[in-house]
Amino acid sequence: MLDDVSRFEIRAWVPGKGWTRLPARSKVRASGLEISLARVTRNGVERYRRVVALQ
């Protein structure tokens, strides 16, 4: 587990709409996922982001 996480979000890339927060309803299937989080350290806020293509 990662300590001191202050924010966690997953969004879907929906063609024609862009990034959409989940859960979301769409007739078009998402083609990607974005996983992002922020954590507080003694050096300040660290942000992490990963985008995964869906097939």
N, C-alpha and C. Protein backbone atom coordinates (compact mmCIF):
# COMPACT_ATOMS: atom_id res chain seq x y z
N MET A 1 0.83 -1.18 0.00
CA MET A 1 0.00 0.00 0.00
C MET A 1 0.88 1.24 0.00
N LEU A 2 0.39 2.27 -0.61
CA LEU A 2 1.08 3.55 -0.69
C LEU A 2 0.53 4.47 0.40
N ASP A 3 1.42 4.98 1.23
CA ASP A 3 1.01 5.84 2.34
C ASP A 3 0.72 7.27 1.88
N ASP A 4 -0.08 7.96 2.66
CA ASP A 4 -0.34 9.40 2.52
C ASP A 4 -0.96 9.81 1.18
N VAL A 5 -1.80 8.94 0.61
CA VAL A 5 -2.50 9.28 -0.63
C VAL A 5 -3.61 10.28 -0.30
N SER A 6 -3.59 11.42 -0.99
CA SER A 6 -4.59 12.46 -0.73
C SER A 6 -5.66 12.54 -1.82
N ARG A 7 -5.39 11.91 -2.98
CA ARG A 7 -6.35 11.94 -4.08
C ARG A 7 -6.15 10.71 -4.94
N PHE A 8 -7.25 10.09 -5.39
CA PHE A 8 -7.20 8.94 -6.29
C PHE A 8 -8.37 9.07 -7.26
N GLU A 9 -8.09 8.91 -8.55
CA GLU A 9 -9.14 9.07 -9.55
C GLU A 9 -8.88 8.15 -10.74
N ILE A 10 -9.96 7.59 -11.28
CA ILE A 10 -9.89 6.81 -12.51
C ILE A 10 -10.87 7.44 -13.49
N ARG A 11 -10.37 7.71 -14.71
CA ARG A 11 -11.22 8.26 -15.76
C ARG A 11 -11.09 7.38 -17.01
N ALA A 12 -12.11 7.44 -17.85
CA ALA A 12 -12.11 6.69 -19.11
C ALA A 12 -12.02 7.66 -20.28
N TRP A 13 -11.26 7.27 -21.31
CA TRP A 13 -11.22 8.05 -22.54
C TRP A 13 -12.31 7.51 -23.46
N VAL A 14 -13.29 8.36 -23.74
CA VAL A 14 -14.40 7.99 -24.61
C VAL A 14 -14.23 8.77 -25.90
N PRO A 15 -14.02 8.07 -27.03
CA PRO A 15 -13.85 8.78 -28.30
C PRO A 15 -15.03 9.72 -28.57
N GLY A 16 -14.70 10.95 -28.93
CA GLY A 16 -15.72 11.96 -29.20
C GLY A 16 -16.13 12.75 -27.98
N LYS A 17 -15.80 12.26 -26.78
CA LYS A 17 -16.15 12.96 -25.54
C LYS A 17 -14.92 13.36 -24.72
N GLY A 18 -13.84 12.60 -24.84
CA GLY A 18 -12.64 12.89 -24.05
C GLY A 18 -12.66 12.15 -22.72
N TRP A 19 -11.92 12.70 -21.73
CA TRP A 19 -11.83 12.06 -20.42
C TRP A 19 -13.14 12.21 -19.67
N THR A 20 -13.63 11.09 -19.13
CA THR A 20 -14.90 11.04 -18.43
C THR A 20 -14.71 10.34 -17.09
N ARG A 21 -15.23 10.93 -16.03
CA ARG A 21 -15.14 10.29 -14.71
C ARG A 21 -16.01 9.04 -14.68
N LEU A 22 -15.55 8.07 -13.95
CA LEU A 22 -16.31 6.82 -13.80
C LEU A 22 -17.10 6.83 -12.52
N PRO A 23 -18.22 6.15 -12.45
CA PRO A 23 -18.87 5.42 -13.54
C PRO A 23 -19.55 6.39 -14.50
N ALA A 24 -19.60 6.02 -15.75
CA ALA A 24 -20.23 6.86 -16.78
C ALA A 24 -20.98 5.96 -17.75
N ARG A 25 -22.04 6.49 -18.29
CA ARG A 25 -22.81 5.75 -19.30
C ARG A 25 -22.49 6.35 -20.67
N SER A 26 -22.20 5.47 -21.60
CA SER A 26 -21.91 5.93 -22.95
C SER A 26 -22.23 4.81 -23.93
N LYS A 27 -22.70 5.19 -25.09
CA LYS A 27 -22.95 4.19 -26.13
C LYS A 27 -21.65 3.78 -26.81
N VAL A 28 -20.62 4.62 -26.67
CA VAL A 28 -19.32 4.35 -27.26
C VAL A 28 -18.41 3.74 -26.19
N ARG A 29 -17.72 2.68 -26.55
CA ARG A 29 -16.83 2.00 -25.62
C ARG A 29 -15.57 2.84 -25.37
N ALA A 30 -15.14 2.88 -24.12
CA ALA A 30 -13.92 3.61 -23.76
C ALA A 30 -12.71 2.95 -24.43
N SER A 31 -11.75 3.77 -24.87
CA SER A 31 -10.55 3.23 -25.51
C SER A 31 -9.32 3.39 -24.64
N GLY A 32 -9.47 3.97 -23.44
CA GLY A 32 -8.34 4.12 -22.54
C GLY A 32 -8.78 4.41 -21.12
N LEU A 33 -7.88 4.16 -20.18
CA LEU A 33 -8.11 4.49 -18.77
C LEU A 33 -6.96 5.34 -18.27
N GLU A 34 -7.28 6.31 -17.45
CA GLU A 34 -6.28 7.14 -16.79
C GLU A 34 -6.41 6.91 -15.28
N ILE A 35 -5.31 6.51 -14.66
CA ILE A 35 -5.27 6.32 -13.21
C ILE A 35 -4.35 7.40 -12.67
N SER A 36 -4.87 8.22 -11.76
CA SER A 36 -4.04 9.29 -11.20
C SER A 36 -4.21 9.34 -9.70
N LEU A 37 -3.14 9.74 -9.04
CA LEU A 37 -3.19 9.90 -7.59
C LEU A 37 -2.20 10.95 -7.16
N ALA A 38 -2.42 11.47 -5.98
CA ALA A 38 -1.51 12.45 -5.37
C ALA A 38 -1.24 11.99 -3.95
N ARG A 39 -0.02 12.21 -3.51
CA ARG A 39 0.32 11.89 -2.13
C ARG A 39 1.15 13.02 -1.55
N VAL A 40 1.01 13.20 -0.26
CA VAL A 40 1.71 14.27 0.45
C VAL A 40 2.97 13.69 1.06
N THR A 41 4.11 14.34 0.76
CA THR A 41 5.39 13.95 1.35
C THR A 41 5.99 15.17 2.03
N ARG A 42 7.10 14.98 2.69
CA ARG A 42 7.73 16.14 3.34
C ARG A 42 8.28 17.14 2.31
N ASN A 43 8.40 16.70 1.05
CA ASN A 43 8.86 17.59 -0.02
C ASN A 43 7.70 18.26 -0.76
N GLY A 44 6.48 17.98 -0.34
CA GLY A 44 5.31 18.55 -1.00
C GLY A 44 4.43 17.47 -1.58
N VAL A 45 3.60 17.84 -2.53
CA VAL A 45 2.67 16.90 -3.15
C VAL A 45 3.33 16.25 -4.36
N GLU A 46 3.29 14.92 -4.41
CA GLU A 46 3.77 14.16 -5.57
C GLU A 46 2.55 13.66 -6.33
N ARG A 47 2.58 13.84 -7.64
CA ARG A 47 1.46 13.40 -8.48
C ARG A 47 1.94 12.28 -9.40
N TYR A 48 1.10 11.27 -9.54
CA TYR A 48 1.38 10.14 -10.42
C TYR A 48 0.22 9.98 -11.39
N ARG A 49 0.54 9.62 -12.63
CA ARG A 49 -0.50 9.44 -13.64
C ARG A 49 -0.06 8.33 -14.58
N ARG A 50 -0.99 7.44 -14.89
CA ARG A 50 -0.71 6.36 -15.84
C ARG A 50 -1.91 6.23 -16.77
N VAL A 51 -1.64 6.16 -18.07
CA VAL A 51 -2.69 5.98 -19.06
C VAL A 51 -2.50 4.61 -19.70
N VAL A 52 -3.59 3.86 -19.77
CA VAL A 52 -3.57 2.51 -20.32
C VAL A 52 -4.54 2.44 -21.49
N ALA A 53 -4.04 1.99 -22.64
CA ALA A 53 -4.92 1.82 -23.81
C ALA A 53 -5.72 0.54 -23.66
N LEU A 54 -7.00 0.61 -24.00
CA LEU A 54 -7.87 -0.57 -23.98
C LEU A 54 -8.10 -1.04 -25.40
N GLN A 55 -8.14 -2.32 -25.57
CA GLN A 55 -8.37 -2.87 -26.92
C GLN A 55 -9.69 -3.57 -27.00
